[in-house]
Amino acid sequence: MKDSLKAGLTHEFTFTVPENKTVPYLFPEAVEFLDMPKVLATGFMVGLIEWTCIQALQPHLDWPREQSVGIRIDASHTAATPPGMAVTIRVRLVEVDGKRLVFEFDGDDGKDAITKGTHERFVIDAEKFGARLQKKIG
């Protein structure tokens, strides 16, 4: 981790929701989802939050040797966003505790606030992480 990784770091990311990021596409094998409304799925929204945090961190890590993984999320999802609308996620690093990082975030789709919460990430050594994963796989 570089010395520049400090609480107060902010980043914003905007993504236009395509149809394949809506609820019916979250788990295509889940027939229960197929008849659900075509709005941004909460699972994909969580992915956008993680993506935004990764973008915020990347210049402050020894990338790609150092990376980060999500370890906790507390997120509301308070409004539906149909395909074609742009979602903006804003993150702010509020705590650096060794390799544990805590972000606060919020997001909107230009019409409504859609999310707010906290997200924790942990900085990893990609090679060591991969080795542990291979051991787990067997």
C-alpha atoms as a PDB file:
ATOM      1  CA  MET A   1       0.000   0.000   0.000  1.00  0.00           C
ATOM      2  CA  LYS A   2       1.255   3.422  -0.898  1.00  0.00           C
ATOM      3  CA  ASP A   3       1.482   6.297   1.577  1.00  0.00           C
ATOM      4  CA  SER A   4      -1.242   8.043  -0.418  1.00  0.00           C
ATOM      5  CA  LEU A   5      -3.869   5.540   0.832  1.00  0.00           C
ATOM      6  CA  LYS A   6      -5.518   7.607   3.552  1.00  0.00           C
ATOM      7  CA  ALA A   7      -8.962   8.238   4.977  1.00  0.00           C
ATOM      8  CA  GLY A   8     -10.724  11.006   3.070  1.00  0.00           C
ATOM      9  CA  LEU A   9     -10.038   9.519  -0.378  1.00  0.00           C
ATOM     10  CA  THR A  10     -13.111   9.914  -2.614  1.00  0.00           C
ATOM     11  CA  HIS A  11     -14.150   8.554  -5.997  1.00  0.00           C
ATOM     12  CA  GLU A  12     -17.248   8.662  -8.193  1.00  0.00           C
ATOM     13  CA  PHE A  13     -18.284   6.292 -10.988  1.00  0.00           C
ATOM     14  CA  THR A  14     -21.246   6.484 -13.367  1.00  0.00           C
ATOM     15  CA  PHE A  15     -22.595   3.438 -15.204  1.00  0.00           C
ATOM     16  CA  THR A  16     -25.534   3.222 -17.606  1.00  0.00           C
ATOM     17  CA  VAL A  17     -27.667   0.220 -16.708  1.00  0.00           C
ATOM     18  CA  PRO A  18     -28.026  -2.256 -19.588  1.00  0.00           C
ATOM     19  CA  GLU A  19     -30.878  -4.774 -19.702  1.00  0.00           C
ATOM     20  CA  ASN A  20     -28.501  -7.622 -18.777  1.00  0.00           C
ATOM     21  CA  LYS A  21     -27.892  -6.061 -15.331  1.00  0.00           C
ATOM     22  CA  THR A  22     -31.566  -6.326 -14.348  1.00  0.00           C
ATOM     23  CA  VAL A  23     -33.191  -8.825 -11.986  1.00  0.00           C
ATOM     24  CA  PRO A  24     -34.107 -11.491 -14.610  1.00  0.00           C
ATOM     25  CA  TYR A  25     -30.417 -11.728 -15.560  1.00  0.00           C
ATOM     26  CA  LEU A  26     -29.002 -12.041 -12.033  1.00  0.00           C
ATOM     27  CA  PHE A  27     -29.287 -15.830 -11.996  1.00  0.00           C
ATOM     28  CA  PRO A  28     -30.714 -16.860 -15.384  1.00  0.00           C
ATOM     29  CA  GLU A  29     -31.173 -20.421 -14.101  1.00  0.00           C
ATOM     30  CA  ALA A  30     -33.519 -19.152 -11.356  1.00  0.00           C
ATOM     31  CA  VAL A  31     -36.966 -19.309 -12.954  1.00  0.00           C
ATOM     32  CA  GLU A  32     -38.314 -17.212 -10.071  1.00  0.00           C
ATOM     33  CA  PHE A  33     -36.308 -14.234 -11.353  1.00  0.00           C
ATOM     34  CA  LEU A  34     -37.475 -14.495 -14.952  1.00  0.00           C
ATOM     35  CA  ASP A  35     -40.836 -12.797 -14.344  1.00  0.00           C
ATOM     36  CA  MET A  36     -39.391 -10.108 -12.065  1.00  0.00           C
ATOM     37  CA  PRO A  37     -39.258  -6.463 -13.221  1.00  0.00           C
ATOM     38  CA  LYS A  38     -36.393  -5.434 -15.476  1.00  0.00           C
ATOM     39  CA  VAL A  39     -34.753  -3.040 -13.018  1.00  0.00           C
ATOM     40  CA  LEU A  40     -31.183  -2.899 -11.697  1.00  0.00           C
ATOM     41  CA  ALA A  41     -30.702  -5.975  -9.524  1.00  0.00           C
ATOM     42  CA  THR A  42     -29.418  -5.397  -6.007  1.00  0.00           C
ATOM     43  CA  GLY A  43     -26.640  -7.931  -6.671  1.00  0.00           C
ATOM     44  CA  PHE A  44     -25.399  -5.921  -9.656  1.00  0.00           C
ATOM     45  CA  MET A  45     -25.704  -2.703  -7.633  1.00  0.00           C
ATOM     46  CA  VAL A  46     -23.399  -4.230  -5.006  1.00  0.00           C
ATOM     47  CA  GLY A  47     -20.997  -5.033  -7.831  1.00  0.00           C
ATOM     48  CA  LEU A  48     -21.043  -1.368  -8.889  1.00  0.00           C
ATOM     49  CA  ILE A  49     -20.217  -0.311  -5.342  1.00  0.00           C
ATOM     50  CA  GLU A  50     -17.275  -2.740  -5.245  1.00  0.00           C
ATOM     51  CA  TRP A  51     -16.114  -1.617  -8.702  1.00  0.00           C
ATOM     52  CA  THR A  52     -16.147   2.025  -7.601  1.00  0.00           C
ATOM     53  CA  CYS A  53     -14.115   1.211  -4.478  1.00  0.00           C
ATOM     54  CA  ILE A  54     -11.587  -0.773  -6.548  1.00  0.00           C
ATOM     55  CA  GLN A  55     -11.211   2.175  -8.924  1.00  0.00           C
ATOM     56  CA  ALA A  56     -10.643   4.464  -5.929  1.00  0.00           C
ATOM     57  CA  LEU A  57      -7.987   2.164  -4.465  1.00  0.00           C
ATOM     58  CA  GLN A  58      -6.067   1.062  -7.545  1.00  0.00           C
ATOM     59  CA  PRO A  59      -3.751   4.129  -7.777  1.00  0.00           C
ATOM     60  CA  HIS A  60      -2.899   3.730  -4.085  1.00  0.00           C
ATOM     61  CA  LEU A  61      -1.949   0.041  -4.214  1.00  0.00           C
ATOM     62  CA  ASP A  62       1.000  -1.721  -5.799  1.00  0.00           C
ATOM     63  CA  TRP A  63      -1.347  -3.012  -8.520  1.00  0.00           C
ATOM     64  CA  PRO A  64      -1.631  -5.820  -9.611  1.00  0.00           C
ATOM     65  CA  ARG A  65       0.458  -7.426  -6.832  1.00  0.00           C
ATOM     66  CA  GLU A  66      -1.754  -5.774  -4.229  1.00  0.00           C
ATOM     67  CA  GLN A  67      -5.492  -5.947  -4.729  1.00  0.00           C
ATOM     68  CA  SER A  68      -8.518  -5.751  -2.462  1.00  0.00           C
ATOM     69  CA  VAL A  69     -11.458  -8.018  -1.740  1.00  0.00           C
ATOM     70  CA  GLY A  70     -14.822  -7.139  -0.267  1.00  0.00           C
ATOM     71  CA  ILE A  71     -15.414  -8.530   3.214  1.00  0.00           C
ATOM     72  CA  ARG A  72     -18.616  -6.774   4.357  1.00  0.00           C
ATOM     73  CA  ILE A  73     -21.394  -4.633   2.950  1.00  0.00           C
ATOM     74  CA  ASP A  74     -24.365  -2.856   4.481  1.00  0.00           C
ATOM     75  CA  ALA A  75     -26.428  -1.328   1.696  1.00  0.00           C
ATOM     76  CA  SER A  76     -29.935  -0.045   1.206  1.00  0.00           C
ATOM     77  CA  HIS A  77     -31.601  -0.315  -2.200  1.00  0.00           C
ATOM     78  CA  THR A  78     -34.435   2.200  -2.061  1.00  0.00           C
ATOM     79  CA  ALA A  79     -35.507   2.919  -5.642  1.00  0.00           C
ATOM     80  CA  ALA A  80     -35.866   0.967  -8.878  1.00  0.00           C
ATOM     81  CA  THR A  81     -33.661   1.899 -11.847  1.00  0.00           C
ATOM     82  CA  PRO A  82     -34.721   0.741 -15.329  1.00  0.00           C
ATOM     83  CA  PRO A  83     -32.286   0.009 -18.164  1.00  0.00           C
ATOM     84  CA  GLY A  84     -30.948   3.072 -19.930  1.00  0.00           C
ATOM     85  CA  MET A  85     -30.652   5.194 -16.804  1.00  0.00           C
ATOM     86  CA  ALA A  86     -27.227   6.120 -15.461  1.00  0.00           C
ATOM     87  CA  VAL A  87     -26.353   5.209 -11.877  1.00  0.00           C
ATOM     88  CA  THR A  88     -23.690   7.253 -10.080  1.00  0.00           C
ATOM     89  CA  ILE A  89     -21.939   5.712  -7.078  1.00  0.00           C
ATOM     90  CA  ARG A  90     -19.865   7.920  -4.767  1.00  0.00           C
ATOM     91  CA  VAL A  91     -17.441   6.377  -2.251  1.00  0.00           C
ATOM     92  CA  ARG A  92     -15.377   7.876   0.552  1.00  0.00           C
ATOM     93  CA  LEU A  93     -12.682   5.993   2.439  1.00  0.00           C
ATOM     94  CA  VAL A  94     -13.418   6.695   6.105  1.00  0.00           C
ATOM     95  CA  GLU A  95     -11.069   4.274   7.888  1.00  0.00           C
ATOM     96  CA  VAL A  96      -7.721   2.606   7.207  1.00  0.00           C
ATOM     97  CA  ASP A  97      -6.934  -0.010   9.856  1.00  0.00           C
ATOM     98  CA  GLY A  98      -3.862  -1.849   8.586  1.00  0.00           C
ATOM     99  CA  LYS A  99      -5.105  -3.734   5.529  1.00  0.00           C
ATOM    100  CA  ARG A 100      -8.794  -3.296   6.435  1.00  0.00           C
ATOM    101  CA  LEU A 101     -10.489  -0.396   4.650  1.00  0.00           C
ATOM    102  CA  VAL A 102     -13.929   1.045   5.392  1.00  0.00           C
ATOM    103  CA  PHE A 103     -15.894   3.045   2.834  1.00  0.00           C
ATOM    104  CA  GLU A 104     -19.106   5.007   3.098  1.00  0.00           C
ATOM    105  CA  PHE A 105     -21.068   5.260  -0.141  1.00  0.00           C
ATOM    106  CA  ASP A 106     -24.222   6.567  -1.722  1.00  0.00           C
ATOM    107  CA  GLY A 107     -25.718   6.407  -5.177  1.00  0.00           C
ATOM    108  CA  ASP A 108     -28.489   7.797  -7.346  1.00  0.00           C
ATOM    109  CA  ASP A 109     -29.945   7.336 -10.801  1.00  0.00           C
ATOM    110  CA  GLY A 110     -30.441  11.015 -11.564  1.00  0.00           C
ATOM    111  CA  LYS A 111     -34.046  10.909 -10.367  1.00  0.00           C
ATOM    112  CA  ASP A 112     -33.869   9.093  -7.006  1.00  0.00           C
ATOM    113  CA  ALA A 113     -31.368   8.201  -4.331  1.00  0.00           C
ATOM    114  CA  ILE A 114     -30.993   4.435  -4.740  1.00  0.00           C
ATOM    115  CA  THR A 115     -28.401   3.336  -2.188  1.00  0.00           C
ATOM    116  CA  LYS A 116     -26.469   4.292   0.903  1.00  0.00           C
ATOM    117  CA  GLY A 117     -24.283   2.335   3.272  1.00  0.00           C
ATOM    118  CA  THR A 118     -20.843   1.087   4.219  1.00  0.00           C
ATOM    119  CA  HIS A 119     -18.460  -1.355   2.586  1.00  0.00           C
ATOM    120  CA  GLU A 120     -15.326  -2.959   4.001  1.00  0.00           C
ATOM    121  CA  ARG A 121     -12.470  -4.243   1.883  1.00  0.00           C
ATOM    122  CA  PHE A 122      -9.213  -5.982   2.741  1.00  0.00           C
ATOM    123  CA  VAL A 123      -5.928  -5.478   0.887  1.00  0.00           C
ATOM    124  CA  ILE A 124      -4.433  -8.782  -0.276  1.00  0.00           C
ATOM    125  CA  ASP A 125      -1.244  -9.999  -1.864  1.00  0.00           C
ATOM    126  CA  ALA A 126      -2.646 -11.510  -5.079  1.00  0.00           C
ATOM    127  CA  GLU A 127      -0.023 -14.257  -5.322  1.00  0.00           C
ATOM    128  CA  LYS A 128      -0.505 -15.425  -1.720  1.00  0.00           C
ATOM    129  CA  PHE A 129      -4.278 -15.219  -2.085  1.00  0.00           C
ATOM    130  CA  GLY A 130      -4.122 -17.313  -5.259  1.00  0.00           C
ATOM    131  CA  ALA A 131      -1.914 -19.912  -3.552  1.00  0.00           C
ATOM    132  CA  ARG A 132      -4.390 -20.259  -0.652  1.00  0.00           C
ATOM    133  CA  LEU A 133      -7.225 -20.576  -3.121  1.00  0.00           C
ATOM    134  CA  GLN A 134      -5.413 -23.320  -5.035  1.00  0.00           C
ATOM    135  CA  LYS A 135      -4.819 -25.172  -1.743  1.00  0.00           C
ATOM    136  CA  LYS A 136      -8.547 -24.929  -0.970  1.00  0.00           C
ATOM    137  CA  ILE A 137      -9.439 -26.279  -4.406  1.00  0.00           C
ATOM    138  CA  GLY A 138      -7.078 -29.180  -3.815  1.00  0.00           C
END
